[in-house]
C-alpha atoms as a PDB file:
ATOM      1  CA  UNK A   1      96.268 171.452 161.014  1.00  0.00           C
ATOM      2  CA  UNK A   2      95.629 173.606 164.308  1.00  0.00           C
ATOM      3  CA  UNK A   3      98.255 171.504 166.263  1.00  0.00           C
ATOM      4  CA  UNK A   4     100.943 171.883 163.451  1.00  0.00           C
ATOM      5  CA  UNK A   5     100.211 175.565 163.544  1.00  0.00           C
ATOM      6  CA  UNK A   6     100.474 175.727 167.398  1.00  0.00           C
ATOM      7  CA  UNK A   7     103.747 173.525 167.166  1.00  0.00           C
ATOM      8  CA  UNK A   8     105.070 175.948 164.482  1.00  0.00           C
ATOM      9  CA  UNK A   9     104.232 179.111 166.570  1.00  0.00           C
ATOM     10  CA  UNK A  10     106.027 177.633 169.658  1.00  0.00           C
ATOM     11  CA  UNK A  11     109.198 176.857 167.836  1.00  0.00           C
ATOM     12  CA  UNK A  12     108.995 180.315 166.341  1.00  0.00           C
ATOM     13  CA  UNK A  13     108.663 181.785 169.809  1.00  0.00           C
ATOM     14  CA  UNK A  14     111.344 179.799 171.207  1.00  0.00           C
ATOM     15  CA  UNK A  15     113.779 180.738 168.362  1.00  0.00           C
ATOM     16  CA  UNK A  16     113.651 184.439 169.450  1.00  0.00           C
ATOM     17  CA  UNK A  17     116.891 186.054 170.609  1.00  0.00           C
ATOM     18  CA  UNK A  18     115.134 186.660 174.072  1.00  0.00           C
ATOM     19  CA  UNK A  19     115.092 182.974 174.846  1.00  0.00           C
ATOM     20  CA  UNK A  20     118.856 182.279 173.731  1.00  0.00           C
ATOM     21  CA  UNK A  21     120.167 182.336 177.370  1.00  0.00           C
ATOM     22  CA  UNK A  22     117.671 179.624 178.249  1.00  0.00           C
ATOM     23  CA  UNK A  23     117.544 177.500 175.016  1.00  0.00           C
ATOM     24  CA  UNK A  24     119.683 174.488 174.929  1.00  0.00           C
ATOM     25  CA  UNK A  25     119.892 171.983 172.253  1.00  0.00           C
ATOM     26  CA  UNK A  26     116.691 170.161 171.065  1.00  0.00           C
ATOM     27  CA  UNK A  27     116.108 166.951 172.637  1.00  0.00           C
ATOM     28  CA  UNK A  28     113.299 165.415 170.345  1.00  0.00           C
ATOM     29  CA  UNK A  29     111.526 168.366 169.023  1.00  0.00           C
ATOM     30  CA  UNK A  30     111.522 169.097 165.096  1.00  0.00           C
ATOM     31  CA  UNK A  31     113.648 171.962 163.591  1.00  0.00           C
ATOM     32  CA  UNK A  32     112.334 175.484 163.247  1.00  0.00           C
ATOM     33  CA  UNK A  33     112.242 174.749 159.442  1.00  0.00           C
ATOM     34  CA  UNK A  34     110.281 171.419 159.381  1.00  0.00           C
ATOM     35  CA  UNK A  35     107.592 170.995 156.961  1.00  0.00           C
ATOM     36  CA  UNK A  36     103.889 170.829 157.987  1.00  0.00           C
ATOM     37  CA  UNK A  37     104.226 167.021 157.171  1.00  0.00           C
ATOM     38  CA  UNK A  38     107.320 166.595 159.282  1.00  0.00           C
ATOM     39  CA  UNK A  39     105.374 168.281 162.212  1.00  0.00           C
ATOM     40  CA  UNK A  40     102.149 166.235 161.562  1.00  0.00           C
ATOM     41  CA  UNK A  41     104.356 163.026 161.714  1.00  0.00           C
ATOM     42  CA  UNK A  42     106.105 164.267 164.977  1.00  0.00           C
ATOM     43  CA  UNK A  43     102.869 164.993 166.542  1.00  0.00           C
ATOM     44  CA  UNK A  44     101.448 161.571 165.671  1.00  0.00           C
ATOM     45  CA  UNK A  45     104.599 160.063 167.069  1.00  0.00           C
ATOM     46  CA  UNK A  46     104.780 161.938 170.381  1.00  0.00           C
ATOM     47  CA  UNK A  47     101.259 163.337 171.175  1.00  0.00           C
ATOM     48  CA  UNK A  48      99.047 161.763 173.928  1.00  0.00           C
ATOM     49  CA  UNK A  49      95.749 162.895 175.736  1.00  0.00           C
ATOM     50  CA  UNK A  50      96.874 163.289 179.362  1.00  0.00           C
ATOM     51  CA  UNK A  51      93.506 162.879 180.460  1.00  0.00           C
ATOM     52  CA  UNK A  52      91.981 160.760 183.056  1.00  0.00           C
ATOM     53  CA  UNK A  53      88.966 158.915 181.872  1.00  0.00           C
ATOM     54  CA  UNK A  54      85.795 159.317 184.218  1.00  0.00           C
ATOM     55  CA  UNK A  55      82.128 158.747 183.752  1.00  0.00           C
ATOM     56  CA  UNK A  56      82.081 155.522 181.982  1.00  0.00           C
ATOM     57  CA  UNK A  57      79.955 153.807 184.341  1.00  0.00           C
ATOM     58  CA  UNK A  58      77.888 156.487 185.874  1.00  0.00           C
ATOM     59  CA  UNK A  59      75.624 156.297 188.751  1.00  0.00           C
ATOM     60  CA  UNK A  60      71.910 157.117 188.580  1.00  0.00           C
ATOM     61  CA  UNK A  61      68.461 155.670 188.547  1.00  0.00           C
ATOM     62  CA  UNK A  62      67.749 155.676 184.797  1.00  0.00           C
ATOM     63  CA  UNK A  63      68.310 152.731 182.486  1.00  0.00           C
ATOM     64  CA  UNK A  64      71.704 154.052 181.186  1.00  0.00           C
ATOM     65  CA  UNK A  65      73.151 154.170 184.718  1.00  0.00           C
ATOM     66  CA  UNK A  66      75.496 151.293 185.693  1.00  0.00           C
ATOM     67  CA  UNK A  67      75.385 151.977 189.526  1.00  0.00           C
ATOM     68  CA  UNK A  68      73.212 153.514 192.061  1.00  0.00           C
ATOM     69  CA  UNK A  69      74.411 156.425 194.049  1.00  0.00           C
ATOM     70  CA  UNK A  70      75.903 154.051 196.384  1.00  0.00           C
ATOM     71  CA  UNK A  71      78.134 152.591 193.899  1.00  0.00           C
ATOM     72  CA  UNK A  72      76.190 149.126 193.859  1.00  0.00           C
ATOM     73  CA  UNK A  73      76.201 147.798 190.212  1.00  0.00           C
ATOM     74  CA  UNK A  74      72.532 147.481 188.933  1.00  0.00           C
ATOM     75  CA  UNK A  75      71.653 143.850 188.606  1.00  0.00           C
ATOM     76  CA  UNK A  76      74.263 142.319 190.757  1.00  0.00           C
ATOM     77  CA  UNK A  77      74.983 141.521 194.307  1.00  0.00           C
ATOM     78  CA  UNK A  78      78.023 142.348 196.423  1.00  0.00           C
ATOM     79  CA  UNK A  79      79.788 144.529 193.753  1.00  0.00           C
ATOM     80  CA  UNK A  80      80.468 148.183 193.852  1.00  0.00           C
ATOM     81  CA  UNK A  81      82.290 150.704 191.739  1.00  0.00           C
ATOM     82  CA  UNK A  82      83.971 153.373 193.842  1.00  0.00           C
ATOM     83  CA  UNK A  83      86.097 155.501 191.405  1.00  0.00           C
ATOM     84  CA  UNK A  84      85.721 158.370 188.766  1.00  0.00           C
ATOM     85  CA  UNK A  85      84.017 156.207 186.466  1.00  0.00           C
ATOM     86  CA  UNK A  86      80.604 156.440 188.267  1.00  0.00           C
ATOM     87  CA  UNK A  87      80.649 160.190 188.061  1.00  0.00           C
ATOM     88  CA  UNK A  88      77.539 161.172 186.189  1.00  0.00           C
ATOM     89  CA  UNK A  89      79.487 163.599 184.025  1.00  0.00           C
ATOM     90  CA  UNK A  90      82.995 164.486 183.338  1.00  0.00           C
ATOM     91  CA  UNK A  91      84.153 167.356 185.472  1.00  0.00           C
ATOM     92  CA  UNK A  92      84.975 170.570 183.983  1.00  0.00           C
ATOM     93  CA  UNK A  93      88.081 170.922 186.308  1.00  0.00           C
ATOM     94  CA  UNK A  94      90.546 168.624 187.861  1.00  0.00           C
ATOM     95  CA  UNK A  95      88.855 165.224 188.821  1.00  0.00           C
ATOM     96  CA  UNK A  96      90.885 164.661 191.964  1.00  0.00           C
ATOM     97  CA  UNK A  97      88.596 166.477 194.274  1.00  0.00           C
ATOM     98  CA  UNK A  98      85.248 164.987 193.052  1.00  0.00           C
ATOM     99  CA  UNK A  99      86.575 161.448 193.088  1.00  0.00           C
ATOM    100  CA  UNK A 100      87.797 161.861 196.618  1.00  0.00           C
ATOM    101  CA  UNK A 101      84.364 163.166 197.547  1.00  0.00           C
ATOM    102  CA  UNK A 102      82.503 160.186 195.743  1.00  0.00           C
ATOM    103  CA  UNK A 103      84.726 157.601 197.464  1.00  0.00           C
ATOM    104  CA  UNK A 104      84.613 159.320 200.951  1.00  0.00           C
ATOM    105  CA  UNK A 105      80.765 159.568 200.761  1.00  0.00           C
ATOM    106  CA  UNK A 106      80.413 155.843 199.702  1.00  0.00           C
ATOM    107  CA  UNK A 107      82.827 154.667 202.287  1.00  0.00           C
ATOM    108  CA  UNK A 108      81.166 156.613 204.760  1.00  0.00           C
ATOM    109  CA  UNK A 109      77.694 155.040 204.078  1.00  0.00           C
ATOM    110  CA  UNK A 110      79.307 151.646 203.943  1.00  0.00           C
ATOM    111  CA  UNK A 111      80.684 152.125 207.387  1.00  0.00           C
ATOM    112  CA  UNK A 112      77.381 153.394 208.717  1.00  0.00           C
ATOM    113  CA  UNK A 113      75.653 150.434 207.572  1.00  0.00           C
ATOM    114  CA  UNK A 114      78.154 148.151 209.311  1.00  0.00           C
ATOM    115  CA  UNK A 115      78.957 146.148 206.320  1.00  0.00           C
ATOM    116  CA  UNK A 116      81.999 143.925 207.032  1.00  0.00           C
ATOM    117  CA  UNK A 117      84.576 144.095 204.009  1.00  0.00           C
ATOM    118  CA  UNK A 118      87.700 142.162 204.061  1.00  0.00           C
ATOM    119  CA  UNK A 119      90.794 142.987 202.016  1.00  0.00           C
ATOM    120  CA  UNK A 120      92.878 139.986 202.098  1.00  0.00           C
ATOM    121  CA  UNK A 121      96.026 141.006 200.173  1.00  0.00           C
ATOM    122  CA  UNK A 122      97.443 143.359 202.789  1.00  0.00           C
ATOM    123  CA  UNK A 123      95.996 141.868 205.855  1.00  0.00           C
ATOM    124  CA  UNK A 124      93.500 144.379 206.330  1.00  0.00           C
ATOM    125  CA  UNK A 125      89.940 143.968 207.976  1.00  0.00           C
ATOM    126  CA  UNK A 126      87.365 146.358 208.096  1.00  0.00           C
ATOM    127  CA  UNK A 127      84.807 145.704 211.094  1.00  0.00           C
ATOM    128  CA  UNK A 128      81.033 146.506 211.084  1.00  0.00           C
ATOM    129  CA  UNK A 129      80.810 149.796 213.108  1.00  0.00           C
ATOM    130  CA  UNK A 130      83.664 152.228 212.835  1.00  0.00           C
ATOM    131  CA  UNK A 131      85.437 153.749 215.865  1.00  0.00           C
ATOM    132  CA  UNK A 132      86.176 157.487 215.138  1.00  0.00           C
ATOM    133  CA  UNK A 133      89.856 157.011 215.963  1.00  0.00           C
ATOM    134  CA  UNK A 134      90.927 154.771 213.002  1.00  0.00           C
ATOM    135  CA  UNK A 135      92.166 156.019 209.569  1.00  0.00           C
ATOM    136  CA  UNK A 136      90.780 154.740 206.344  1.00  0.00           C
ATOM    137  CA  UNK A 137      87.272 154.282 207.462  1.00  0.00           C
ATOM    138  CA  UNK A 138      88.103 151.853 210.133  1.00  0.00           C
ATOM    139  CA  UNK A 139      90.740 149.864 208.426  1.00  0.00           C
ATOM    140  CA  UNK A 140      92.932 147.825 210.724  1.00  0.00           C
ATOM    141  CA  UNK A 141      96.038 145.902 210.287  1.00  0.00           C
ATOM    142  CA  UNK A 142      96.253 142.181 211.888  1.00  0.00           C
ATOM    143  CA  UNK A 143      99.547 141.698 213.460  1.00  0.00           C
ATOM    144  CA  UNK A 144     101.122 138.146 213.230  1.00  0.00           C
ATOM    145  CA  UNK A 145     100.054 137.362 216.676  1.00  0.00           C
ATOM    146  CA  UNK A 146      96.341 137.988 215.708  1.00  0.00           C
ATOM    147  CA  UNK A 147      95.969 141.343 217.656  1.00  0.00           C
ATOM    148  CA  UNK A 148      94.480 144.228 215.765  1.00  0.00           C
ATOM    149  CA  UNK A 149      96.738 147.235 215.621  1.00  0.00           C
ATOM    150  CA  UNK A 150      95.781 150.809 214.906  1.00  0.00           C
ATOM    151  CA  UNK A 151      97.097 152.290 211.846  1.00  0.00           C
END
């Protein structure tokens, strides 16, 4: 019922004379005089979460953790998870920064270790040690002639 009250309050606010010059015809919102049932039905039809799920495969060392701090999946070889799902807790703010930080830290650790990683779909190849001049942790594009080109 809080959502219905919020929608009703918004409709009442938008109906005030001060908003007249900004207000056009309604596109898909209910009428100001809609019943609570009509508003609830409209909410069920149009509402969504707009959230970005994180922390579903959290990293850690306890029995509930799916990966270690390097993104390696416990109990499996040659499989890492490097995205927001490994964050131990859902961030209280925008998740973009923490996800970039985790991905950069893990990519840096992989690059320092010299682990070769091949991405075959786009023709990219990552070689052992990474030269500081290469973008995206040393990703290089192979030309059709077989020469490595810097991105």
